[in-house]
Structure formats: structure tokens, C-alpha cells
Amino acid sequence: MNFPKDESSDCYIQCLLEIWNFYNPTHGLSVIEVTKQTSHLFPKVFNEIRKSLELCMKKFPEEGDKYRSCTWIGNVFKCFLKDYRKVFYLSFNIQELPCIQA
């Protein structure tokens, strides 16, 4: 699945993550909160999920305002969803996120 490459899609992802308390502009992305929520149905993969998210964050280094931008959080989360989309969707009991479908 391809994601739209536009800032509005990335800002929508940022908004969802803020609503779910996974991200805020002051403190950034909470790896622990994302990992806890995503792995609550699959506790055996907690460390694997955490490491995957941390690797995605390293792929897109935090650089000043970029860290707080929609593009940064969109890139990091789309990277993470490449490996854990099904686990993430199951943890929220959702089929798809219509805002980020291709």
C-alpha cells in the first residue's frame, strides 16, 4: 500500500497521534505509549515493536523544527506501519485508516 506524499496526510497522522496521546509537539513521539498500545494484544512482540519504531525514528533524524513537523511524524509513523500495520489496526479494532489509504 502506498501513502499519499503530501503534508495534509502527514498532518492528519500527527493529529491522530496527538488524540491518542502518542505524540505532542513539546515532547515528541512517545515510543513507550505507542508500543504499549500496539502490543497490548500481542505482549510477546513488545520489544520487537519498540525497536522497529526506534529504527524508524533513526531513519528520519530529529532536526530542529522538522521534529515538530507533520512531515517528520508522518514519515516515522508510515515507516512503522510498513511492518506493524495489522498489529496496530487490531490493537484499535479498526479495519483501515481512510486518511492514509492510497
PDB file of N, CA and C in Angstrom:
ATOM      1  N   MET A   1       0.843  -1.182   0.000  1.00  0.00           N
ATOM      2  CA  MET A   1       0.000   0.000   0.000  1.00  0.00           C
ATOM      3  C   MET A   1       0.882   1.236   0.000  1.00  0.00           C
ATOM      4  N   ASN A   2       0.593   2.155  -0.886  1.00  0.00           N
ATOM      5  CA  ASN A   2       1.328   3.414  -0.954  1.00  0.00           C
ATOM      6  C   ASN A   2       0.566   4.496  -0.203  1.00  0.00           C
ATOM      7  N   PHE A   3       1.300   5.411   0.374  1.00  0.00           N
ATOM      8  CA  PHE A   3       0.710   6.527   1.088  1.00  0.00           C
ATOM      9  C   PHE A   3       0.795   7.776   0.227  1.00  0.00           C
ATOM     10  N   PRO A   4      -0.174   8.645   0.325  1.00  0.00           N
ATOM     11  CA  PRO A   4      -0.060   9.929  -0.361  1.00  0.00           C
ATOM     12  C   PRO A   4       1.157  10.677   0.180  1.00  0.00           C
ATOM     13  N   LYS A   5       1.864  11.338  -0.703  1.00  0.00           N
ATOM     14  CA  LYS A   5       3.038  12.105  -0.272  1.00  0.00           C
ATOM     15  C   LYS A   5       2.678  13.575  -0.241  1.00  0.00           C
ATOM     16  N   ASP A   6       1.874  13.925   0.744  1.00  0.00           N
ATOM     17  CA  ASP A   6       1.516  15.325   0.901  1.00  0.00           C
ATOM     18  C   ASP A   6       1.417  15.665   2.376  1.00  0.00           C
ATOM     19  N   GLU A   7       1.584  16.940   2.647  1.00  0.00           N
ATOM     20  CA  GLU A   7       1.626  17.380   4.035  1.00  0.00           C
ATOM     21  C   GLU A   7       0.284  17.209   4.741  1.00  0.00           C
ATOM     22  N   SER A   8      -0.825  17.312   4.008  1.00  0.00           N
ATOM     23  CA  SER A   8      -2.124  17.188   4.673  1.00  0.00           C
ATOM     24  C   SER A   8      -2.323  15.778   5.235  1.00  0.00           C
ATOM     25  N   SER A   9      -1.864  14.754   4.523  1.00  0.00           N
ATOM     26  CA  SER A   9      -1.959  13.382   5.046  1.00  0.00           C
ATOM     27  C   SER A   9      -1.080  13.227   6.280  1.00  0.00           C
ATOM     28  N   ASP A  10       0.128  13.788   6.212  1.00  0.00           N
ATOM     29  CA  ASP A  10       1.029  13.713   7.358  1.00  0.00           C
ATOM     30  C   ASP A  10       0.467  14.461   8.562  1.00  0.00           C
ATOM     31  N   CYS A  11      -0.166  15.590   8.327  1.00  0.00           N
ATOM     32  CA  CYS A  11      -0.761  16.356   9.428  1.00  0.00           C
ATOM     33  C   CYS A  11      -1.951  15.608  10.034  1.00  0.00           C
ATOM     34  N   TYR A  12      -2.673  14.869   9.216  1.00  0.00           N
ATOM     35  CA  TYR A  12      -3.776  14.058   9.729  1.00  0.00           C
ATOM     36  C   TYR A  12      -3.229  12.960  10.634  1.00  0.00           C
ATOM     37  N   ILE A  13      -2.133  12.325  10.218  1.00  0.00           N
ATOM     38  CA  ILE A  13      -1.492  11.302  11.048  1.00  0.00           C
ATOM     39  C   ILE A  13      -1.045  11.930  12.369  1.00  0.00           C
ATOM     40  N   GLN A  14      -0.437  13.109  12.300  1.00  0.00           N
ATOM     41  CA  GLN A  14       0.007  13.796  13.515  1.00  0.00           C
ATOM     42  C   GLN A  14      -1.178  14.075  14.433  1.00  0.00           C
ATOM     43  N   CYS A  15      -2.269  14.519  13.868  1.00  0.00           N
ATOM     44  CA  CYS A  15      -3.468  14.812  14.665  1.00  0.00           C
ATOM     45  C   CYS A  15      -3.981  13.554  15.367  1.00  0.00           C
ATOM     46  N   LEU A  16      -4.053  12.443  14.647  1.00  0.00           N
ATOM     47  CA  LEU A  16      -4.494  11.182  15.258  1.00  0.00           C
ATOM     48  C   LEU A  16      -3.571  10.775  16.401  1.00  0.00           C
ATOM     49  N   LEU A  17      -2.277  10.896  16.186  1.00  0.00           N
ATOM     50  CA  LEU A  17      -1.325  10.518  17.224  1.00  0.00           C
ATOM     51  C   LEU A  17      -1.437  11.420  18.447  1.00  0.00           C
ATOM     52  N   GLU A  18      -1.748  12.692  18.230  1.00  0.00           N
ATOM     53  CA  GLU A  18      -1.968  13.598  19.363  1.00  0.00           C
ATOM     54  C   GLU A  18      -3.238  13.200  20.121  1.00  0.00           C
ATOM     55  N   ILE A  19      -4.301  12.882  19.404  1.00  0.00           N
ATOM     56  CA  ILE A  19      -5.556  12.464  20.046  1.00  0.00           C
ATOM     57  C   ILE A  19      -5.334  11.212  20.886  1.00  0.00           C
ATOM     58  N   TRP A  20      -4.535  10.286  20.372  1.00  0.00           N
ATOM     59  CA  TRP A  20      -4.264   9.027  21.076  1.00  0.00           C
ATOM     60  C   TRP A  20      -3.166   9.176  22.123  1.00  0.00           C
ATOM     61  N   ASN A  21      -2.683  10.389  22.352  1.00  0.00           N
ATOM     62  CA  ASN A  21      -1.617  10.671  23.329  1.00  0.00           C
ATOM     63  C   ASN A  21      -0.309   9.940  23.015  1.00  0.00           C
ATOM     64  N   PHE A  22      -0.032   9.752  21.740  1.00  0.00           N
ATOM     65  CA  PHE A  22       1.224   9.144  21.322  1.00  0.00           C
ATOM     66  C   PHE A  22       2.254  10.209  20.962  1.00  0.00           C
ATOM     67  N   TYR A  23       1.787  11.419  20.731  1.00  0.00           N
ATOM     68  CA  TYR A  23       2.672  12.480  20.259  1.00  0.00           C
ATOM     69  C   TYR A  23       2.176  13.824  20.762  1.00  0.00           C
ATOM     70  N   ASN A  24       3.140  14.683  21.118  1.00  0.00           N
ATOM     71  CA  ASN A  24       2.815  16.091  21.319  1.00  0.00           C
ATOM     72  C   ASN A  24       4.023  16.899  20.877  1.00  0.00           C
ATOM     73  N   PRO A  25       3.780  18.102  20.372  1.00  0.00           N
ATOM     74  CA  PRO A  25       4.876  18.902  19.798  1.00  0.00           C
ATOM     75  C   PRO A  25       5.991  19.238  20.777  1.00  0.00           C
ATOM     76  N   THR A  26       5.697  19.273  22.058  1.00  0.00           N
ATOM     77  CA  THR A  26       6.709  19.616  23.051  1.00  0.00           C
ATOM     78  C   THR A  26       7.628  18.436  23.362  1.00  0.00           C
ATOM     79  N   HIS A  27       7.041  17.264  23.539  1.00  0.00           N
ATOM     80  CA  HIS A  27       7.815  16.093  23.956  1.00  0.00           C
ATOM     81  C   HIS A  27       8.078  15.101  22.836  1.00  0.00           C
ATOM     82  N   GLY A  28       7.448  15.289  21.697  1.00  0.00           N
ATOM     83  CA  GLY A  28       7.678  14.400  20.570  1.00  0.00           C
ATOM     84  C   GLY A  28       6.853  13.129  20.629  1.00  0.00           C
ATOM     85  N   LEU A  29       7.337  12.116  19.958  1.00  0.00           N
ATOM     86  CA  LEU A  29       6.658  10.831  19.870  1.00  0.00           C
ATOM     87  C   LEU A  29       6.997   9.995  21.091  1.00  0.00           C
ATOM     88  N   SER A  30       5.974   9.434  21.729  1.00  0.00           N
ATOM     89  CA  SER A  30       6.179   8.585  22.895  1.00  0.00           C
ATOM     90  C   SER A  30       6.297   7.128  22.438  1.00  0.00           C
ATOM     91  N   VAL A  31       7.514   6.663  22.352  1.00  0.00           N
ATOM     92  CA  VAL A  31       7.764   5.289  21.915  1.00  0.00           C
ATOM     93  C   VAL A  31       7.074   4.306  22.855  1.00  0.00           C
ATOM     94  N   ILE A  32       7.139   4.572  24.136  1.00  0.00           N
ATOM     95  CA  ILE A  32       6.545   3.657  25.122  1.00  0.00           C
ATOM     96  C   ILE A  32       5.027   3.583  24.960  1.00  0.00           C
ATOM     97  N   GLU A  33       4.362   4.727  24.798  1.00  0.00           N
ATOM     98  CA  GLU A  33       2.901   4.709  24.658  1.00  0.00           C
ATOM     99  C   GLU A  33       2.461   3.995  23.382  1.00  0.00           C
ATOM    100  N   VAL A  34       3.140   4.261  22.275  1.00  0.00           N
ATOM    101  CA  VAL A  34       2.802   3.575  21.022  1.00  0.00           C
ATOM    102  C   VAL A  34       3.016   2.079  21.193  1.00  0.00           C
ATOM    103  N   THR A  35       4.135   1.709  21.797  1.00  0.00           N
ATOM    104  CA  THR A  35       4.466   0.298  21.973  1.00  0.00           C
ATOM    105  C   THR A  35       3.477  -0.396  22.896  1.00  0.00           C
ATOM    106  N   LYS A  36       3.135   0.240  24.015  1.00  0.00           N
ATOM    107  CA  LYS A  36       2.180  -0.372  24.947  1.00  0.00           C
ATOM    108  C   LYS A  36       0.834  -0.612  24.275  1.00  0.00           C
ATOM    109  N   GLN A  37       0.324   0.402  23.570  1.00  0.00           N
ATOM    110  CA  GLN A  37      -0.980   0.273  22.922  1.00  0.00           C
ATOM    111  C   GLN A  37      -0.943  -0.763  21.804  1.00  0.00           C
ATOM    112  N   THR A  38       0.103  -0.726  21.010  1.00  0.00           N
ATOM    113  CA  THR A  38       0.183  -1.613  19.852  1.00  0.00           C
ATOM    114  C   THR A  38       0.396  -3.057  20.270  1.00  0.00           C
ATOM    115  N   SER A  39       1.084  -3.292  21.363  1.00  0.00           N
ATOM    116  CA  SER A  39       1.403  -4.666  21.759  1.00  0.00           C
ATOM    117  C   SER A  39       0.474  -5.232  22.824  1.00  0.00           C
ATOM    118  N   HIS A  40      -0.548  -4.490  23.242  1.00  0.00           N
ATOM    119  CA  HIS A  40      -1.359  -5.000  24.351  1.00  0.00           C
ATOM    120  C   HIS A  40      -2.055  -6.316  24.009  1.00  0.00           C
ATOM    121  N   LEU A  41      -2.362  -6.566  22.747  1.00  0.00           N
ATOM    122  CA  LEU A  41      -2.949  -7.849  22.350  1.00  0.00           C
ATOM    123  C   LEU A  41      -1.872  -8.897  22.051  1.00  0.00           C
ATOM    124  N   PHE A  42      -0.659  -8.428  21.861  1.00  0.00           N
ATOM    125  CA  PHE A  42       0.454  -9.293  21.475  1.00  0.00           C
ATOM    126  C   PHE A  42       1.683  -8.978  22.340  1.00  0.00           C
ATOM    127  N   PRO A  43       1.614  -9.248  23.639  1.00  0.00           N
ATOM    128  CA  PRO A  43       2.697  -8.829  24.541  1.00  0.00           C
ATOM    129  C   PRO A  43       4.059  -9.419  24.203  1.00  0.00           C
ATOM    130  N   LYS A  44       4.094 -10.534  23.515  1.00  0.00           N
ATOM    131  CA  LYS A  44       5.382 -11.154  23.188  1.00  0.00           C
ATOM    132  C   LYS A  44       6.192 -10.326  22.192  1.00  0.00           C
ATOM    133  N   VAL A  45       5.537  -9.416  21.486  1.00  0.00           N
ATOM    134  CA  VAL A  45       6.250  -8.615  20.490  1.00  0.00           C
ATOM    135  C   VAL A  45       6.539  -7.189  20.963  1.00  0.00           C
ATOM    136  N   PHE A  46       6.393  -6.939  22.260  1.00  0.00           N
ATOM    137  CA  PHE A  46       6.612  -5.599  22.807  1.00  0.00           C
ATOM    138  C   PHE A  46       7.974  -5.042  22.394  1.00  0.00           C
ATOM    139  N   ASN A  47       9.041  -5.779  22.673  1.00  0.00           N
ATOM    140  CA  ASN A  47      10.392  -5.283  22.373  1.00  0.00           C
ATOM    141  C   ASN A  47      10.624  -5.153  20.876  1.00  0.00           C
ATOM    142  N   GLU A  48      10.083  -6.062  20.117  1.00  0.00           N
ATOM    143  CA  GLU A  48      10.217  -6.003  18.661  1.00  0.00           C
ATOM    144  C   GLU A  48       9.541  -4.747  18.098  1.00  0.00           C
ATOM    145  N   ILE A  49       8.360  -4.428  18.593  1.00  0.00           N
ATOM    146  CA  ILE A  49       7.632  -3.239  18.155  1.00  0.00           C
ATOM    147  C   ILE A  49       8.391  -1.977  18.549  1.00  0.00           C
ATOM    148  N   ARG A  50       8.874  -1.941  19.774  1.00  0.00           N
ATOM    149  CA  ARG A  50       9.639  -0.780  20.254  1.00  0.00           C
ATOM    150  C   ARG A  50      10.877  -0.554  19.382  1.00  0.00           C
ATOM    151  N   LYS A  51      11.605  -1.610  19.110  1.00  0.00           N
ATOM    152  CA  LYS A  51      12.819  -1.494  18.292  1.00  0.00           C
ATOM    153  C   LYS A  51      12.499  -1.025  16.876  1.00  0.00           C
ATOM    154  N   SER A  52      11.400  -1.517  16.322  1.00  0.00           N
ATOM    155  CA  SER A  52      11.004  -1.107  14.978  1.00  0.00           C
ATOM    156  C   SER A  52      10.699   0.390  14.933  1.00  0.00           C
ATOM    157  N   LEU A  53       9.971   0.870  15.917  1.00  0.00           N
ATOM    158  CA  LEU A  53       9.644   2.291  15.972  1.00  0.00           C
ATOM    159  C   LEU A  53      10.902   3.133  16.162  1.00  0.00           C
ATOM    160  N   GLU A  54      11.799   2.683  17.025  1.00  0.00           N
ATOM    161  CA  GLU A  54      13.050   3.412  17.235  1.00  0.00           C
ATOM    162  C   GLU A  54      13.895   3.445  15.962  1.00  0.00           C
ATOM    163  N   LEU A  55      13.911   2.351  15.197  1.00  0.00           N
ATOM    164  CA  LEU A  55      14.642   2.330  13.932  1.00  0.00           C
ATOM    165  C   LEU A  55      14.052   3.324  12.938  1.00  0.00           C
ATOM    166  N   CYS A  56      12.733   3.400  12.897  1.00  0.00           N
ATOM    167  CA  CYS A  56      12.083   4.366  12.009  1.00  0.00           C
ATOM    168  C   CYS A  56      12.433   5.799  12.415  1.00  0.00           C
ATOM    169  N   MET A  57      12.511   6.048  13.709  1.00  0.00           N
ATOM    170  CA  MET A  57      12.870   7.381  14.175  1.00  0.00           C
ATOM    171  C   MET A  57      14.311   7.713  13.786  1.00  0.00           C
ATOM    172  N   LYS A  58      15.183   6.713  13.788  1.00  0.00           N
ATOM    173  CA  LYS A  58      16.579   6.949  13.388  1.00  0.00           C
ATOM    174  C   LYS A  58      16.689   7.211  11.887  1.00  0.00           C
ATOM    175  N   LYS A  59      15.795   6.622  11.107  1.00  0.00           N
ATOM    176  CA  LYS A  59      15.797   6.847   9.657  1.00  0.00           C
ATOM    177  C   LYS A  59      15.487   8.300   9.323  1.00  0.00           C
ATOM    178  N   PHE A  60      14.702   8.932  10.171  1.00  0.00           N
ATOM    179  CA  PHE A  60      14.287  10.320   9.977  1.00  0.00           C
ATOM    180  C   PHE A  60      14.726  11.114  11.203  1.00  0.00           C
ATOM    181  N   PRO A  61      15.997  11.497  11.253  1.00  0.00           N
ATOM    182  CA  PRO A  61      16.532  12.166  12.448  1.00  0.00           C
ATOM    183  C   PRO A  61      15.770  13.446  12.797  1.00  0.00           C
ATOM    184  N   GLU A  62      15.725  13.698  14.084  1.00  0.00           N
ATOM    185  CA  GLU A  62      15.089  14.907  14.593  1.00  0.00           C
ATOM    186  C   GLU A  62      16.004  16.081  14.301  1.00  0.00           C
ATOM    187  N   GLU A  63      15.511  17.021  13.538  1.00  0.00           N
ATOM    188  CA  GLU A  63      16.326  18.182  13.185  1.00  0.00           C
ATOM    189  C   GLU A  63      15.527  19.463  13.397  1.00  0.00           C
ATOM    190  N   GLY A  64      15.669  20.045  14.563  1.00  0.00           N
ATOM    191  CA  GLY A  64      15.004  21.316  14.852  1.00  0.00           C
ATOM    192  C   GLY A  64      13.505  21.256  14.636  1.00  0.00           C
ATOM    193  N   ASP A  65      13.001  22.170  13.814  1.00  0.00           N
ATOM    194  CA  ASP A  65      11.567  22.250  13.560  1.00  0.00           C
ATOM    195  C   ASP A  65      11.033  21.009  12.858  1.00  0.00           C
ATOM    196  N   LYS A  66      11.903  20.301  12.165  1.00  0.00           N
ATOM    197  CA  LYS A  66      11.481  19.087  11.467  1.00  0.00           C
ATOM    198  C   LYS A  66      10.875  18.088  12.452  1.00  0.00           C
ATOM    199  N   TYR A  67      11.420  18.048  13.668  1.00  0.00           N
ATOM    200  CA  TYR A  67      10.957  17.144  14.718  1.00  0.00           C
ATOM    201  C   TYR A  67       9.491  17.396  15.060  1.00  0.00           C
ATOM    202  N   ARG A  68       9.072  18.642  14.966  1.00  0.00           N
ATOM    203  CA  ARG A  68       7.710  19.014  15.315  1.00  0.00           C
ATOM    204  C   ARG A  68       6.806  19.125  14.097  1.00  0.00           C
ATOM    205  N   SER A  69       7.334  18.805  12.941  1.00  0.00           N
ATOM    206  CA  SER A  69       6.548  18.996  11.724  1.00  0.00           C
ATOM    207  C   SER A  69       5.690  17.788  11.403  1.00  0.00           C
ATOM    208  N   CYS A  70       4.657  18.029  10.641  1.00  0.00           N
ATOM    209  CA  CYS A  70       3.785  16.951  10.175  1.00  0.00           C
ATOM    210  C   CYS A  70       4.572  15.951   9.346  1.00  0.00           C
ATOM    211  N   THR A  71       5.481  16.444   8.529  1.00  0.00           N
ATOM    212  CA  THR A  71       6.247  15.569   7.642  1.00  0.00           C
ATOM    213  C   THR A  71       7.078  14.575   8.439  1.00  0.00           C
ATOM    214  N   TRP A  72       7.732  15.046   9.504  1.00  0.00           N
ATOM    215  CA  TRP A  72       8.564  14.148  10.303  1.00  0.00           C
ATOM    216  C   TRP A  72       7.725  13.043  10.923  1.00  0.00           C
ATOM    217  N   ILE A  73       6.673  13.399  11.626  1.00  0.00           N
ATOM    218  CA  ILE A  73       5.867  12.380  12.302  1.00  0.00           C
ATOM    219  C   ILE A  73       5.185  11.477  11.281  1.00  0.00           C
ATOM    220  N   GLY A  74       4.765  12.041  10.150  1.00  0.00           N
ATOM    221  CA  GLY A  74       4.162  11.221   9.094  1.00  0.00           C
ATOM    222  C   GLY A  74       5.144  10.197   8.559  1.00  0.00           C
ATOM    223  N   ASN A  75       6.370  10.623   8.282  1.00  0.00           N
ATOM    224  CA  ASN A  75       7.398   9.703   7.777  1.00  0.00           C
ATOM    225  C   ASN A  75       7.710   8.590   8.773  1.00  0.00           C
ATOM    226  N   VAL A  76       7.866   8.954  10.030  1.00  0.00           N
ATOM    227  CA  VAL A  76       8.196   7.969  11.064  1.00  0.00           C
ATOM    228  C   VAL A  76       7.051   6.961  11.212  1.00  0.00           C
ATOM    229  N   PHE A  77       5.834   7.447  11.275  1.00  0.00           N
ATOM    230  CA  PHE A  77       4.728   6.527  11.530  1.00  0.00           C
ATOM    231  C   PHE A  77       4.419   5.660  10.312  1.00  0.00           C
ATOM    232  N   LYS A  78       4.547   6.206   9.116  1.00  0.00           N
ATOM    233  CA  LYS A  78       4.343   5.393   7.917  1.00  0.00           C
ATOM    234  C   LYS A  78       5.418   4.306   7.823  1.00  0.00           C
ATOM    235  N   CYS A  79       6.632   4.641   8.204  1.00  0.00           N
ATOM    236  CA  CYS A  79       7.712   3.656   8.251  1.00  0.00           C
ATOM    237  C   CYS A  79       7.340   2.531   9.221  1.00  0.00           C
ATOM    238  N   PHE A  80       6.872   2.897  10.404  1.00  0.00           N
ATOM    239  CA  PHE A  80       6.481   1.927  11.421  1.00  0.00           C
ATOM    240  C   PHE A  80       5.331   1.044  10.929  1.00  0.00           C
ATOM    241  N   LEU A  81       4.347   1.642  10.265  1.00  0.00           N
ATOM    242  CA  LEU A  81       3.188   0.871   9.804  1.00  0.00           C
ATOM    243  C   LEU A  81       3.532  -0.122   8.699  1.00  0.00           C
ATOM    244  N   LYS A  82       4.623   0.082   8.009  1.00  0.00           N
ATOM    245  CA  LYS A  82       5.023  -0.885   6.974  1.00  0.00           C
ATOM    246  C   LYS A  82       5.185  -2.281   7.565  1.00  0.00           C
ATOM    247  N   ASP A  83       5.696  -2.354   8.791  1.00  0.00           N
ATOM    248  CA  ASP A  83       5.908  -3.649   9.442  1.00  0.00           C
ATOM    249  C   ASP A  83       4.782  -4.040  10.391  1.00  0.00           C
ATOM    250  N   TYR A  84       4.101  -3.066  10.953  1.00  0.00           N
ATOM    251  CA  TYR A  84       3.146  -3.372  12.024  1.00  0.00           C
ATOM    252  C   TYR A  84       1.732  -2.850  11.782  1.00  0.00           C
ATOM    253  N   ARG A  85       1.362  -2.665  10.541  1.00  0.00           N
ATOM    254  CA  ARG A  85       0.026  -2.169  10.221  1.00  0.00           C
ATOM    255  C   ARG A  85      -1.076  -3.062  10.814  1.00  0.00           C
ATOM    256  N   LYS A  86      -1.003  -4.356  10.574  1.00  0.00           N
ATOM    257  CA  LYS A  86      -2.063  -5.253  11.051  1.00  0.00           C
ATOM    258  C   LYS A  86      -2.134  -5.274  12.572  1.00  0.00           C
ATOM    259  N   VAL A  87      -0.994  -5.331  13.222  1.00  0.00           N
ATOM    260  CA  VAL A  87      -0.973  -5.333  14.685  1.00  0.00           C
ATOM    261  C   VAL A  87      -1.549  -4.026  15.218  1.00  0.00           C
ATOM    262  N   PHE A  88      -1.159  -2.919  14.601  1.00  0.00           N
ATOM    263  CA  PHE A  88      -1.659  -1.615  15.030  1.00  0.00           C
ATOM    264  C   PHE A  88      -3.174  -1.532  14.838  1.00  0.00           C
ATOM    265  N   TYR A  89      -3.667  -1.928  13.675  1.00  0.00           N
ATOM    266  CA  TYR A  89      -5.106  -1.875  13.415  1.00  0.00           C
ATOM    267  C   TYR A  89      -5.880  -2.780  14.364  1.00  0.00           C
ATOM    268  N   LEU A  90      -5.363  -3.968  14.617  1.00  0.00           N
ATOM    269  CA  LEU A  90      -6.030  -4.873  15.554  1.00  0.00           C
ATOM    270  C   LEU A  90      -6.077  -4.294  16.956  1.00  0.00           C
ATOM    271  N   SER A  91      -5.031  -3.590  17.351  1.00  0.00           N
ATOM    272  CA  SER A  91      -4.992  -3.037  18.704  1.00  0.00           C
ATOM    273  C   SER A  91      -6.042  -1.950  18.900  1.00  0.00           C
ATOM    274  N   PHE A  92      -6.469  -1.323  17.798  1.00  0.00           N
ATOM    275  CA  PHE A  92      -7.517  -0.306  17.867  1.00  0.00           C
ATOM    276  C   PHE A  92      -8.846  -0.809  17.333  1.00  0.00           C
ATOM    277  N   ASN A  93      -8.870  -2.079  16.920  1.00  0.00           N
ATOM    278  CA  ASN A  93     -10.084  -2.684  16.375  1.00  0.00           C
ATOM    279  C   ASN A  93     -10.619  -1.881  15.189  1.00  0.00           C
ATOM    280  N   ILE A  94      -9.726  -1.549  14.270  1.00  0.00           N
ATOM    281  CA  ILE A  94     -10.110  -0.807  13.081  1.00  0.00           C
ATOM    282  C   ILE A  94      -9.690  -1.590  11.840  1.00  0.00           C
ATOM    283  N   GLN A  95     -10.381  -1.351  10.751  1.00  0.00           N
ATOM    284  CA  GLN A  95     -10.073  -2.038   9.500  1.00  0.00           C
ATOM    285  C   GLN A  95      -8.995  -1.284   8.724  1.00  0.00           C
ATOM    286  N   GLU A  96      -9.142   0.007   8.603  1.00  0.00           N
ATOM    287  CA  GLU A  96      -8.219   0.858   7.860  1.00  0.00           C
ATOM    288  C   GLU A  96      -8.318   2.276   8.408  1.00  0.00           C
ATOM    289  N   LEU A  97      -7.320   3.062   8.128  1.00  0.00           N
ATOM    290  CA  LEU A  97      -7.391   4.488   8.410  1.00  0.00           C
ATOM    291  C   LEU A  97      -7.615   5.157   7.062  1.00  0.00           C
ATOM    292  N   PRO A  98      -8.831   5.595   6.776  1.00  0.00           N
ATOM    293  CA  PRO A  98      -9.125   6.119   5.452  1.00  0.00           C
ATOM    294  C   PRO A  98      -8.256   7.292   5.041  1.00  0.00           C
ATOM    295  N   CYS A  99      -7.750   8.030   5.979  1.00  0.00           N
ATOM    296  CA  CYS A  99      -6.945   9.214   5.637  1.00  0.00           C
ATOM    297  C   CYS A  99      -5.611   8.849   5.018  1.00  0.00           C
ATOM    298  N   ILE A 100      -5.137   7.621   5.201  1.00  0.00           N
ATOM    299  CA  ILE A 100      -3.814   7.287   4.682  1.00  0.00           C
ATOM    300  C   ILE A 100      -3.850   6.112   3.714  1.00  0.00           C
ATOM    301  N   GLN A 101      -4.988   5.899   3.090  1.00  0.00           N
ATOM    302  CA  GLN A 101      -5.072   4.884   2.043  1.00  0.00           C
ATOM    303  C   GLN A 101      -4.608   5.483   0.732  1.00  0.00           C
ATOM    304  N   ALA A 102      -4.080   4.642  -0.109  1.00  0.00           N
ATOM    305  CA  ALA A 102      -3.662   5.114  -1.438  1.00  0.00           C
ATOM    306  C   ALA A 102      -4.832   5.059  -2.387  1.00  0.00           C
TER     307      ALA A 102
END
